[in-house]
Amino acid sequence: MPLSSYSAFEPALAHAAEATERTMDRLLPKGDSGEARVFEAMRYSSLGGGKRLRAFFVLAGATLFKVSPTSALRAASAIELMHAYSLIHDDLPAMDDDDLRRGKPSCHRQFDEATAILAGDALQALAFEVLAHPDTHGDAGVRVTLVGELARASGAHGMVGGQMLDLLAEEKGAEPLSIGAITRLQRLKTGALISFSCTAGAILGKAPDQMRAALFAYAHDLGLAFQIVDDLLDVEGSAAELGKTPGKDAAAGKATFVSILGLERAKAQAGMLAGQAVAHLDPLGPPADLLRQAAKFVVSRRA
């Protein structure tokens, strides 16, 4: 059943997660050859966990423009592979040094640091390989655009740049971040991949610029709301709910939306941003209702 058959968000999210997981399972390498250990680490870190919200955004956007399920699922899988790579590296001792991810030992704990680095590198490369393959889209120009947009979102002007800003902010003697600096950091570190996820369907469907701009604006506000809720969950959530260690931001003395705004103002800001995100979808009409429901989910989630 295609995603467009669903009217309620939670069943649609579950369907997107299941369909994407099946596609990823086919795309990920497996075998017992000499490099089998890195195959195992790639599969361990990318299968069997996570909400697949980024994949959902790709698939929901793709339904608006009548994109084929194969194309949409390959693009959704690519973003999840890229996300898995980022989580592996984010958990490393040189980064956030976290022992848990999705309720199980992080990749470097399950294997070792060198294997985790290689698994992350391989997942990143596989994401681009998937997007560049003709099965993702028959038009080479569309494939090039997808590859370029994901590279920008995940590289030095996107996720990697945001992580660098985050690390610099944690250095001893660093100036405390202002709300503007935190906003920029999180738009890069978290928001850039969400923006790609929300606009990939429009790229695949060769949508008019106005429609792609509406989805980008939706992602712009929703990505920031998503990160504010992450900061709230780090304070209010439990390890059982989150599948990772809570309270690490406060323990490290990191400036977050919560530390600057306080709990209640941070919650209000997340709600306001989600409302703005929904308003950006007006040009897309009723077919974008699942994306409207997704905005409500982002600010009410507990994990």
C-alpha atoms as a PDB file:
ATOM      1  CA  MET A   1       0.000   0.000   0.000  1.00  0.00           C
ATOM      2  CA  PRO A   2       1.490   3.401  -0.980  1.00  0.00           C
ATOM      3  CA  LEU A   3       1.992   6.117   1.626  1.00  0.00           C
ATOM      4  CA  SER A   4      -0.700   8.211  -0.076  1.00  0.00           C
ATOM      5  CA  SER A   5      -3.265   5.604   1.051  1.00  0.00           C
ATOM      6  CA  TYR A   6      -2.785   6.629   4.685  1.00  0.00           C
ATOM      7  CA  SER A   7      -4.685   9.500   6.270  1.00  0.00           C
ATOM      8  CA  ALA A   8      -3.287   9.195   9.812  1.00  0.00           C
ATOM      9  CA  PHE A   9       0.319  10.003  10.632  1.00  0.00           C
ATOM     10  CA  GLU A  10       1.353   7.159  12.946  1.00  0.00           C
ATOM     11  CA  PRO A  11       0.368   4.293  10.587  1.00  0.00           C
ATOM     12  CA  ALA A  12       1.968   6.232   7.737  1.00  0.00           C
ATOM     13  CA  LEU A  13       5.197   6.624   9.711  1.00  0.00           C
ATOM     14  CA  ALA A  14       5.217   2.908  10.553  1.00  0.00           C
ATOM     15  CA  HIS A  15       4.658   2.034   6.888  1.00  0.00           C
ATOM     16  CA  ALA A  16       7.457   4.378   5.780  1.00  0.00           C
ATOM     17  CA  ALA A  17       9.827   2.889   8.356  1.00  0.00           C
ATOM     18  CA  GLU A  18       9.058  -0.704   7.333  1.00  0.00           C
ATOM     19  CA  ALA A  19       9.328  -0.052   3.589  1.00  0.00           C
ATOM     20  CA  THR A  20      12.564   1.905   3.999  1.00  0.00           C
ATOM     21  CA  GLU A  21      14.053  -0.764   6.258  1.00  0.00           C
ATOM     22  CA  ARG A  22      13.365  -3.444   3.609  1.00  0.00           C
ATOM     23  CA  THR A  23      15.011  -1.304   0.939  1.00  0.00           C
ATOM     24  CA  MET A  24      18.043  -0.585   3.123  1.00  0.00           C
ATOM     25  CA  ASP A  25      18.417  -4.274   3.886  1.00  0.00           C
ATOM     26  CA  ARG A  26      18.695  -4.961   0.155  1.00  0.00           C
ATOM     27  CA  LEU A  27      21.119  -2.103  -0.437  1.00  0.00           C
ATOM     28  CA  LEU A  28      23.511  -2.768   2.443  1.00  0.00           C
ATOM     29  CA  PRO A  29      26.390  -5.160   1.771  1.00  0.00           C
ATOM     30  CA  LYS A  30      26.574  -8.547   3.435  1.00  0.00           C
ATOM     31  CA  GLY A  31      28.775 -11.610   3.186  1.00  0.00           C
ATOM     32  CA  ASP A  32      31.573 -13.481   4.884  1.00  0.00           C
ATOM     33  CA  SER A  33      34.527 -12.130   2.900  1.00  0.00           C
ATOM     34  CA  GLY A  34      37.505 -10.401   4.507  1.00  0.00           C
ATOM     35  CA  GLU A  35      35.671  -7.106   4.913  1.00  0.00           C
ATOM     36  CA  ALA A  36      32.651  -8.786   6.540  1.00  0.00           C
ATOM     37  CA  ARG A  37      33.323  -7.018   9.849  1.00  0.00           C
ATOM     38  CA  VAL A  38      32.653  -3.602   8.355  1.00  0.00           C
ATOM     39  CA  PHE A  39      29.538  -4.984   6.606  1.00  0.00           C
ATOM     40  CA  GLU A  40      28.307  -6.202   9.978  1.00  0.00           C
ATOM     41  CA  ALA A  41      28.980  -2.850  11.634  1.00  0.00           C
ATOM     42  CA  MET A  42      27.167  -0.980   8.834  1.00  0.00           C
ATOM     43  CA  ARG A  43      24.104  -3.190   9.189  1.00  0.00           C
ATOM     44  CA  TYR A  44      24.216  -3.101  12.999  1.00  0.00           C
ATOM     45  CA  SER A  45      24.142   0.694  13.026  1.00  0.00           C
ATOM     46  CA  SER A  46      21.583   1.336  10.297  1.00  0.00           C
ATOM     47  CA  LEU A  47      18.982  -1.461  10.549  1.00  0.00           C
ATOM     48  CA  GLY A  48      16.473  -2.339  13.230  1.00  0.00           C
ATOM     49  CA  GLY A  49      15.966   0.972  14.965  1.00  0.00           C
ATOM     50  CA  GLY A  50      14.928   4.584  14.733  1.00  0.00           C
ATOM     51  CA  LYS A  51      11.686   6.278  13.764  1.00  0.00           C
ATOM     52  CA  ARG A  52      12.818   6.806  10.140  1.00  0.00           C
ATOM     53  CA  LEU A  53      11.327  10.301  10.283  1.00  0.00           C
ATOM     54  CA  ARG A  54      13.706  11.580   7.608  1.00  0.00           C
ATOM     55  CA  ALA A  55      12.671   8.726   5.329  1.00  0.00           C
ATOM     56  CA  PHE A  56       9.037   9.585   6.020  1.00  0.00           C
ATOM     57  CA  PHE A  57       9.657  13.174   4.887  1.00  0.00           C
ATOM     58  CA  VAL A  58      11.166  11.923   1.613  1.00  0.00           C
ATOM     59  CA  LEU A  59       8.264   9.556   0.955  1.00  0.00           C
ATOM     60  CA  ALA A  60       5.575  12.051   1.967  1.00  0.00           C
ATOM     61  CA  GLY A  61       7.090  14.682  -0.315  1.00  0.00           C
ATOM     62  CA  ALA A  62       7.372  12.183  -3.142  1.00  0.00           C
ATOM     63  CA  THR A  63       3.655  11.308  -2.956  1.00  0.00           C
ATOM     64  CA  LEU A  64       2.804  14.959  -3.654  1.00  0.00           C
ATOM     65  CA  PHE A  65       4.478  14.753  -7.056  1.00  0.00           C
ATOM     66  CA  LYS A  66       3.599  11.207  -8.140  1.00  0.00           C
ATOM     67  CA  VAL A  67       7.161   9.883  -7.797  1.00  0.00           C
ATOM     68  CA  SER A  68       7.556   6.136  -8.301  1.00  0.00           C
ATOM     69  CA  PRO A  69       7.836   4.080  -5.089  1.00  0.00           C
ATOM     70  CA  THR A  70      11.215   2.681  -6.166  1.00  0.00           C
ATOM     71  CA  SER A  71      12.709   6.139  -6.663  1.00  0.00           C
ATOM     72  CA  ALA A  72      11.256   7.464  -3.424  1.00  0.00           C
ATOM     73  CA  LEU A  73      12.400   4.493  -1.338  1.00  0.00           C
ATOM     74  CA  ARG A  74      15.935   4.625  -2.701  1.00  0.00           C
ATOM     75  CA  ALA A  75      16.182   8.344  -1.860  1.00  0.00           C
ATOM     76  CA  ALA A  76      14.654   7.688   1.580  1.00  0.00           C
ATOM     77  CA  SER A  77      17.190   4.922   2.174  1.00  0.00           C
ATOM     78  CA  ALA A  78      20.063   7.194   1.131  1.00  0.00           C
ATOM     79  CA  ILE A  79      19.156   9.814   3.734  1.00  0.00           C
ATOM     80  CA  GLU A  80      18.833   7.136   6.423  1.00  0.00           C
ATOM     81  CA  LEU A  81      22.245   5.721   5.498  1.00  0.00           C
ATOM     82  CA  MET A  82      23.717   9.213   5.766  1.00  0.00           C
ATOM     83  CA  HIS A  83      21.966   9.732   9.099  1.00  0.00           C
ATOM     84  CA  ALA A  84      23.305   6.400  10.402  1.00  0.00           C
ATOM     85  CA  TYR A  85      26.842   7.437   9.458  1.00  0.00           C
ATOM     86  CA  SER A  86      26.412  10.704  11.356  1.00  0.00           C
ATOM     87  CA  LEU A  87      25.195   8.904  14.495  1.00  0.00           C
ATOM     88  CA  ILE A  88      28.148   6.484  14.464  1.00  0.00           C
ATOM     89  CA  HIS A  89      30.636   9.352  14.276  1.00  0.00           C
ATOM     90  CA  ASP A  90      28.669  11.513  16.729  1.00  0.00           C
ATOM     91  CA  ASP A  91      28.938   8.770  19.375  1.00  0.00           C
ATOM     92  CA  LEU A  92      32.732   8.391  19.063  1.00  0.00           C
ATOM     93  CA  PRO A  93      34.934   9.321  22.051  1.00  0.00           C
ATOM     94  CA  ALA A  94      36.361  12.270  20.091  1.00  0.00           C
ATOM     95  CA  MET A  95      32.837  13.638  19.608  1.00  0.00           C
ATOM     96  CA  ASP A  96      29.975  13.092  22.105  1.00  0.00           C
ATOM     97  CA  ASP A  97      31.446   9.896  23.599  1.00  0.00           C
ATOM     98  CA  ASP A  98      28.147   8.057  24.038  1.00  0.00           C
ATOM     99  CA  ASP A  99      27.841   4.382  24.947  1.00  0.00           C
ATOM    100  CA  LEU A 100      24.204   3.996  23.868  1.00  0.00           C
ATOM    101  CA  ARG A 101      22.389   4.519  20.610  1.00  0.00           C
ATOM    102  CA  ARG A 102      18.809   3.422  19.920  1.00  0.00           C
ATOM    103  CA  GLY A 103      18.797   1.413  23.125  1.00  0.00           C
ATOM    104  CA  LYS A 104      21.858  -0.708  22.350  1.00  0.00           C
ATOM    105  CA  PRO A 105      25.631  -0.254  22.540  1.00  0.00           C
ATOM    106  CA  SER A 106      26.905   2.376  20.133  1.00  0.00           C
ATOM    107  CA  CYS A 107      28.912   1.099  17.173  1.00  0.00           C
ATOM    108  CA  HIS A 108      32.359   1.740  18.655  1.00  0.00           C
ATOM    109  CA  ARG A 109      31.309  -0.082  21.826  1.00  0.00           C
ATOM    110  CA  GLN A 110      29.875  -3.058  19.969  1.00  0.00           C
ATOM    111  CA  PHE A 111      32.888  -3.313  17.647  1.00  0.00           C
ATOM    112  CA  ASP A 112      35.817  -0.900  18.117  1.00  0.00           C
ATOM    113  CA  GLU A 113      36.631   2.684  17.218  1.00  0.00           C
ATOM    114  CA  ALA A 114      38.451   1.919  13.966  1.00  0.00           C
ATOM    115  CA  THR A 115      35.637  -0.314  12.711  1.00  0.00           C
ATOM    116  CA  ALA A 116      33.057   2.320  13.682  1.00  0.00           C
ATOM    117  CA  ILE A 117      34.904   5.017  11.719  1.00  0.00           C
ATOM    118  CA  LEU A 118      35.135   2.763   8.672  1.00  0.00           C
ATOM    119  CA  ALA A 119      31.475   1.749   8.935  1.00  0.00           C
ATOM    120  CA  GLY A 120      30.460   5.411   9.035  1.00  0.00           C
ATOM    121  CA  ASP A 121      32.673   6.227   6.060  1.00  0.00           C
ATOM    122  CA  ALA A 122      31.198   3.325   4.090  1.00  0.00           C
ATOM    123  CA  LEU A 123      27.598   4.301   4.906  1.00  0.00           C
ATOM    124  CA  GLN A 124      28.248   7.847   3.699  1.00  0.00           C
ATOM    125  CA  ALA A 125      29.736   6.551   0.442  1.00  0.00           C
ATOM    126  CA  LEU A 126      26.834   4.106  -0.022  1.00  0.00           C
ATOM    127  CA  ALA A 127      24.302   6.932   0.342  1.00  0.00           C
ATOM    128  CA  PHE A 128      25.820   8.747  -2.645  1.00  0.00           C
ATOM    129  CA  GLU A 129      26.172   5.486  -4.594  1.00  0.00           C
ATOM    130  CA  VAL A 130      22.453   4.831  -4.145  1.00  0.00           C
ATOM    131  CA  LEU A 131      21.434   8.312  -5.296  1.00  0.00           C
ATOM    132  CA  ALA A 132      23.752   8.198  -8.321  1.00  0.00           C
ATOM    133  CA  HIS A 133      22.388   4.863  -9.563  1.00  0.00           C
ATOM    134  CA  PRO A 134      19.978   4.942 -12.541  1.00  0.00           C
ATOM    135  CA  ASP A 135      17.407   2.970 -10.528  1.00  0.00           C
ATOM    136  CA  THR A 136      16.910   6.079  -8.369  1.00  0.00           C
ATOM    137  CA  HIS A 137      15.802   8.178 -11.352  1.00  0.00           C
ATOM    138  CA  GLY A 138      15.987   7.852 -15.114  1.00  0.00           C
ATOM    139  CA  ASP A 139      17.062  11.483 -15.526  1.00  0.00           C
ATOM    140  CA  ALA A 140      20.775  11.918 -14.836  1.00  0.00           C
ATOM    141  CA  GLY A 141      20.187  15.607 -14.117  1.00  0.00           C
ATOM    142  CA  VAL A 142      17.843  14.730 -11.259  1.00  0.00           C
ATOM    143  CA  ARG A 143      20.399  12.299  -9.840  1.00  0.00           C
ATOM    144  CA  VAL A 144      23.135  14.925 -10.008  1.00  0.00           C
ATOM    145  CA  THR A 145      20.896  17.415  -8.195  1.00  0.00           C
ATOM    146  CA  LEU A 146      20.135  14.887  -5.452  1.00  0.00           C
ATOM    147  CA  VAL A 147      23.817  14.063  -4.984  1.00  0.00           C
ATOM    148  CA  GLY A 148      24.763  17.745  -4.903  1.00  0.00           C
ATOM    149  CA  GLU A 149      22.041  18.677  -2.429  1.00  0.00           C
ATOM    150  CA  LEU A 150      22.875  15.815  -0.068  1.00  0.00           C
ATOM    151  CA  ALA A 151      26.583  16.645  -0.269  1.00  0.00           C
ATOM    152  CA  ARG A 152      25.839  20.256   0.660  1.00  0.00           C
ATOM    153  CA  ALA A 153      23.493  19.261   3.490  1.00  0.00           C
ATOM    154  CA  SER A 154      25.938  16.777   5.004  1.00  0.00           C
ATOM    155  CA  GLY A 155      29.242  18.576   4.432  1.00  0.00           C
ATOM    156  CA  ALA A 156      31.138  21.571   5.768  1.00  0.00           C
ATOM    157  CA  HIS A 157      28.271  23.962   4.972  1.00  0.00           C
ATOM    158  CA  GLY A 158      25.757  21.645   6.629  1.00  0.00           C
ATOM    159  CA  MET A 159      25.880  18.859   9.197  1.00  0.00           C
ATOM    160  CA  VAL A 160      29.686  18.628   9.481  1.00  0.00           C
ATOM    161  CA  GLY A 161      29.995  22.390   9.830  1.00  0.00           C
ATOM    162  CA  GLY A 162      27.368  22.355  12.573  1.00  0.00           C
ATOM    163  CA  GLN A 163      29.235  19.621  14.426  1.00  0.00           C
ATOM    164  CA  MET A 164      32.429  21.666  14.205  1.00  0.00           C
ATOM    165  CA  LEU A 165      30.656  24.659  15.749  1.00  0.00           C
ATOM    166  CA  ASP A 166      29.313  22.378  18.477  1.00  0.00           C
ATOM    167  CA  LEU A 167      32.796  21.080  19.312  1.00  0.00           C
ATOM    168  CA  LEU A 168      34.288  24.578  19.359  1.00  0.00           C
ATOM    169  CA  ALA A 169      31.575  25.718  21.762  1.00  0.00           C
ATOM    170  CA  GLU A 170      32.584  22.981  24.203  1.00  0.00           C
ATOM    171  CA  GLU A 171      36.248  24.011  24.319  1.00  0.00           C
ATOM    172  CA  LYS A 172      37.516  25.318  27.640  1.00  0.00           C
ATOM    173  CA  GLY A 173      37.334  29.089  27.746  1.00  0.00           C
ATOM    174  CA  ALA A 174      34.976  29.342  24.773  1.00  0.00           C
ATOM    175  CA  GLU A 175      32.488  32.201  24.820  1.00  0.00           C
ATOM    176  CA  PRO A 176      28.964  31.032  25.731  1.00  0.00           C
ATOM    177  CA  LEU A 177      26.765  30.756  22.644  1.00  0.00           C
ATOM    178  CA  SER A 178      24.013  33.292  22.093  1.00  0.00           C
ATOM    179  CA  ILE A 179      20.555  32.181  20.989  1.00  0.00           C
ATOM    180  CA  GLY A 180      21.444  33.305  17.450  1.00  0.00           C
ATOM    181  CA  ALA A 181      24.644  31.251  17.439  1.00  0.00           C
ATOM    182  CA  ILE A 182      22.829  28.149  18.742  1.00  0.00           C
ATOM    183  CA  THR A 183      20.154  28.607  16.095  1.00  0.00           C
ATOM    184  CA  ARG A 184      22.771  28.748  13.324  1.00  0.00           C
ATOM    185  CA  LEU A 185      24.622  25.751  14.759  1.00  0.00           C
ATOM    186  CA  GLN A 186      21.487  23.617  14.854  1.00  0.00           C
ATOM    187  CA  ARG A 187      20.248  24.703  11.445  1.00  0.00           C
ATOM    188  CA  LEU A 188      23.497  23.272  10.116  1.00  0.00           C
ATOM    189  CA  LYS A 189      23.935  20.240  12.370  1.00  0.00           C
ATOM    190  CA  THR A 190      20.331  18.979  12.370  1.00  0.00           C
ATOM    191  CA  GLY A 191      18.277  21.143  10.054  1.00  0.00           C
ATOM    192  CA  ALA A 192      20.269  20.684   6.849  1.00  0.00           C
ATOM    193  CA  LEU A 193      19.561  16.948   6.556  1.00  0.00           C
ATOM    194  CA  ILE A 194      15.904  17.508   7.446  1.00  0.00           C
ATOM    195  CA  SER A 195      15.701  20.134   4.691  1.00  0.00           C
ATOM    196  CA  PHE A 196      17.128  17.672   2.181  1.00  0.00           C
ATOM    197  CA  SER A 197      14.654  15.026   3.344  1.00  0.00           C
ATOM    198  CA  CYS A 198      11.687  17.351   2.918  1.00  0.00           C
ATOM    199  CA  THR A 199      12.687  18.582  -0.552  1.00  0.00           C
ATOM    200  CA  ALA A 200      14.028  15.340  -2.080  1.00  0.00           C
ATOM    201  CA  GLY A 201      10.543  14.294  -3.236  1.00  0.00           C
ATOM    202  CA  ALA A 202      10.129  17.594  -5.049  1.00  0.00           C
ATOM    203  CA  ILE A 203      13.504  17.111  -6.751  1.00  0.00           C
ATOM    204  CA  LEU A 204      12.544  13.585  -7.811  1.00  0.00           C
ATOM    205  CA  GLY A 205       9.189  14.827  -9.120  1.00  0.00           C
ATOM    206  CA  LYS A 206      10.663  17.844 -10.913  1.00  0.00           C
ATOM    207  CA  ALA A 207       8.227  20.009  -8.980  1.00  0.00           C
ATOM    208  CA  PRO A 208       7.780  23.724  -9.689  1.00  0.00           C
ATOM    209  CA  ASP A 209      10.103  26.041  -7.785  1.00  0.00           C
ATOM    210  CA  GLN A 210       7.192  27.411  -5.722  1.00  0.00           C
ATOM    211  CA  MET A 211       6.363  23.949  -4.369  1.00  0.00           C
ATOM    212  CA  ARG A 212       9.980  23.125  -3.605  1.00  0.00           C
ATOM    213  CA  ALA A 213      10.342  26.487  -1.830  1.00  0.00           C
ATOM    214  CA  ALA A 214       7.268  25.748   0.291  1.00  0.00           C
ATOM    215  CA  LEU A 215       8.748  22.425   1.406  1.00  0.00           C
ATOM    216  CA  PHE A 216      12.103  24.053   2.132  1.00  0.00           C
ATOM    217  CA  ALA A 217      10.430  26.707   4.304  1.00  0.00           C
ATOM    218  CA  TYR A 218       8.472  23.977   6.110  1.00  0.00           C
ATOM    219  CA  ALA A 219      11.709  22.094   6.788  1.00  0.00           C
ATOM    220  CA  HIS A 220      13.511  25.268   7.872  1.00  0.00           C
ATOM    221  CA  ASP A 221      11.097  25.850  10.759  1.00  0.00           C
ATOM    222  CA  LEU A 222      10.418  22.208  11.543  1.00  0.00           C
ATOM    223  CA  GLY A 223      14.121  21.338  11.763  1.00  0.00           C
ATOM    224  CA  LEU A 224      14.631  23.989  14.424  1.00  0.00           C
ATOM    225  CA  ALA A 225      11.540  22.820  16.336  1.00  0.00           C
ATOM    226  CA  PHE A 226      12.928  19.276  16.163  1.00  0.00           C
ATOM    227  CA  GLN A 227      16.200  20.337  17.782  1.00  0.00           C
ATOM    228  CA  ILE A 228      14.481  22.346  20.512  1.00  0.00           C
ATOM    229  CA  VAL A 229      12.480  19.234  21.397  1.00  0.00           C
ATOM    230  CA  ASP A 230      15.724  17.212  21.410  1.00  0.00           C
ATOM    231  CA  ASP A 231      17.116  19.693  23.939  1.00  0.00           C
ATOM    232  CA  LEU A 232      13.949  19.368  26.022  1.00  0.00           C
ATOM    233  CA  LEU A 233      14.149  15.575  25.953  1.00  0.00           C
ATOM    234  CA  ASP A 234      17.776  15.694  27.085  1.00  0.00           C
ATOM    235  CA  VAL A 235      16.457  17.377  30.235  1.00  0.00           C
ATOM    236  CA  GLU A 236      13.107  15.628  30.709  1.00  0.00           C
ATOM    237  CA  GLY A 237      13.554  12.255  28.971  1.00  0.00           C
ATOM    238  CA  SER A 238      14.831   8.930  30.267  1.00  0.00           C
ATOM    239  CA  ALA A 239      17.351   6.510  28.802  1.00  0.00           C
ATOM    240  CA  ALA A 240      14.536   3.992  28.272  1.00  0.00           C
ATOM    241  CA  GLU A 241      12.541   6.499  26.227  1.00  0.00           C
ATOM    242  CA  LEU A 242      15.434   8.000  24.308  1.00  0.00           C
ATOM    243  CA  GLY A 243      17.607   4.934  23.697  1.00  0.00           C
ATOM    244  CA  LYS A 244      20.628   7.086  24.572  1.00  0.00           C
ATOM    245  CA  THR A 245      22.054   8.790  27.634  1.00  0.00           C
ATOM    246  CA  PRO A 246      20.034  11.848  28.757  1.00  0.00           C
ATOM    247  CA  GLY A 247      21.403  14.838  30.651  1.00  0.00           C
ATOM    248  CA  LYS A 248      24.712  14.952  28.798  1.00  0.00           C
ATOM    249  CA  ASP A 249      24.278  18.537  27.576  1.00  0.00           C
ATOM    250  CA  ALA A 250      23.773  19.904  31.076  1.00  0.00           C
ATOM    251  CA  ALA A 251      26.610  17.757  32.460  1.00  0.00           C
ATOM    252  CA  ALA A 252      28.962  19.147  29.814  1.00  0.00           C
ATOM    253  CA  GLY A 253      27.796  22.702  30.477  1.00  0.00           C
ATOM    254  CA  LYS A 254      26.630  23.097  26.885  1.00  0.00           C
ATOM    255  CA  ALA A 255      24.495  26.052  25.914  1.00  0.00           C
ATOM    256  CA  THR A 256      21.184  24.787  24.507  1.00  0.00           C
ATOM    257  CA  PHE A 257      17.799  26.261  23.717  1.00  0.00           C
ATOM    258  CA  VAL A 258      16.635  25.038  27.128  1.00  0.00           C
ATOM    259  CA  SER A 259      19.584  26.472  29.060  1.00  0.00           C
ATOM    260  CA  ILE A 260      19.034  29.895  27.477  1.00  0.00           C
ATOM    261  CA  LEU A 261      15.241  30.033  27.163  1.00  0.00           C
ATOM    262  CA  GLY A 262      14.178  27.804  30.043  1.00  0.00           C
ATOM    263  CA  LEU A 263      11.795  24.864  29.747  1.00  0.00           C
ATOM    264  CA  GLU A 264       8.522  26.714  29.245  1.00  0.00           C
ATOM    265  CA  ARG A 265       9.808  29.264  26.741  1.00  0.00           C
ATOM    266  CA  ALA A 266      11.599  26.505  24.814  1.00  0.00           C
ATOM    267  CA  LYS A 267       8.353  24.501  24.606  1.00  0.00           C
ATOM    268  CA  ALA A 268       6.458  27.591  23.438  1.00  0.00           C
ATOM    269  CA  GLN A 269       9.119  28.324  20.809  1.00  0.00           C
ATOM    270  CA  ALA A 270       8.956  24.761  19.468  1.00  0.00           C
ATOM    271  CA  GLY A 271       5.172  24.989  19.196  1.00  0.00           C
ATOM    272  CA  MET A 272       5.354  28.340  17.434  1.00  0.00           C
ATOM    273  CA  LEU A 273       7.888  27.026  14.912  1.00  0.00           C
ATOM    274  CA  ALA A 274       5.762  23.945  14.211  1.00  0.00           C
ATOM    275  CA  GLY A 275       2.791  26.214  13.537  1.00  0.00           C
ATOM    276  CA  GLN A 276       4.862  28.304  11.140  1.00  0.00           C
ATOM    277  CA  ALA A 277       6.035  25.128   9.384  1.00  0.00           C
ATOM    278  CA  VAL A 278       2.441  24.007   8.832  1.00  0.00           C
ATOM    279  CA  ALA A 279       1.491  27.415   7.410  1.00  0.00           C
ATOM    280  CA  HIS A 280       4.191  27.068   4.726  1.00  0.00           C
ATOM    281  CA  LEU A 281       2.317  24.043   3.352  1.00  0.00           C
ATOM    282  CA  ASP A 282      -0.748  26.062   2.305  1.00  0.00           C
ATOM    283  CA  PRO A 283       0.224  26.087  -1.425  1.00  0.00           C
ATOM    284  CA  LEU A 284       0.294  22.266  -1.375  1.00  0.00           C
ATOM    285  CA  GLY A 285      -3.304  21.906  -0.174  1.00  0.00           C
ATOM    286  CA  PRO A 286      -4.901  18.819   1.424  1.00  0.00           C
ATOM    287  CA  PRO A 287      -2.426  16.292  -0.083  1.00  0.00           C
ATOM    288  CA  ALA A 288       0.198  17.641   2.351  1.00  0.00           C
ATOM    289  CA  ASP A 289      -1.882  16.722   5.416  1.00  0.00           C
ATOM    290  CA  LEU A 290       0.523  13.972   6.533  1.00  0.00           C
ATOM    291  CA  LEU A 291       3.296  16.564   6.650  1.00  0.00           C
ATOM    292  CA  ARG A 292       1.044  18.786   8.768  1.00  0.00           C
ATOM    293  CA  GLN A 293       0.508  15.909  11.180  1.00  0.00           C
ATOM    294  CA  ALA A 294       4.268  15.265  11.214  1.00  0.00           C
ATOM    295  CA  ALA A 295       4.839  18.788  12.547  1.00  0.00           C
ATOM    296  CA  LYS A 296       2.539  18.059  15.491  1.00  0.00           C
ATOM    297  CA  PHE A 297       4.362  14.777  16.117  1.00  0.00           C
ATOM    298  CA  VAL A 298       7.760  16.484  16.177  1.00  0.00           C
ATOM    299  CA  VAL A 299       6.790  18.754  19.063  1.00  0.00           C
ATOM    300  CA  SER A 300       4.895  16.094  21.058  1.00  0.00           C
ATOM    301  CA  ARG A 301       7.335  13.172  20.712  1.00  0.00           C
ATOM    302  CA  ARG A 302       8.995  11.543  23.715  1.00  0.00           C
ATOM    303  CA  ALA A 303      11.987  10.043  21.899  1.00  0.00           C
END
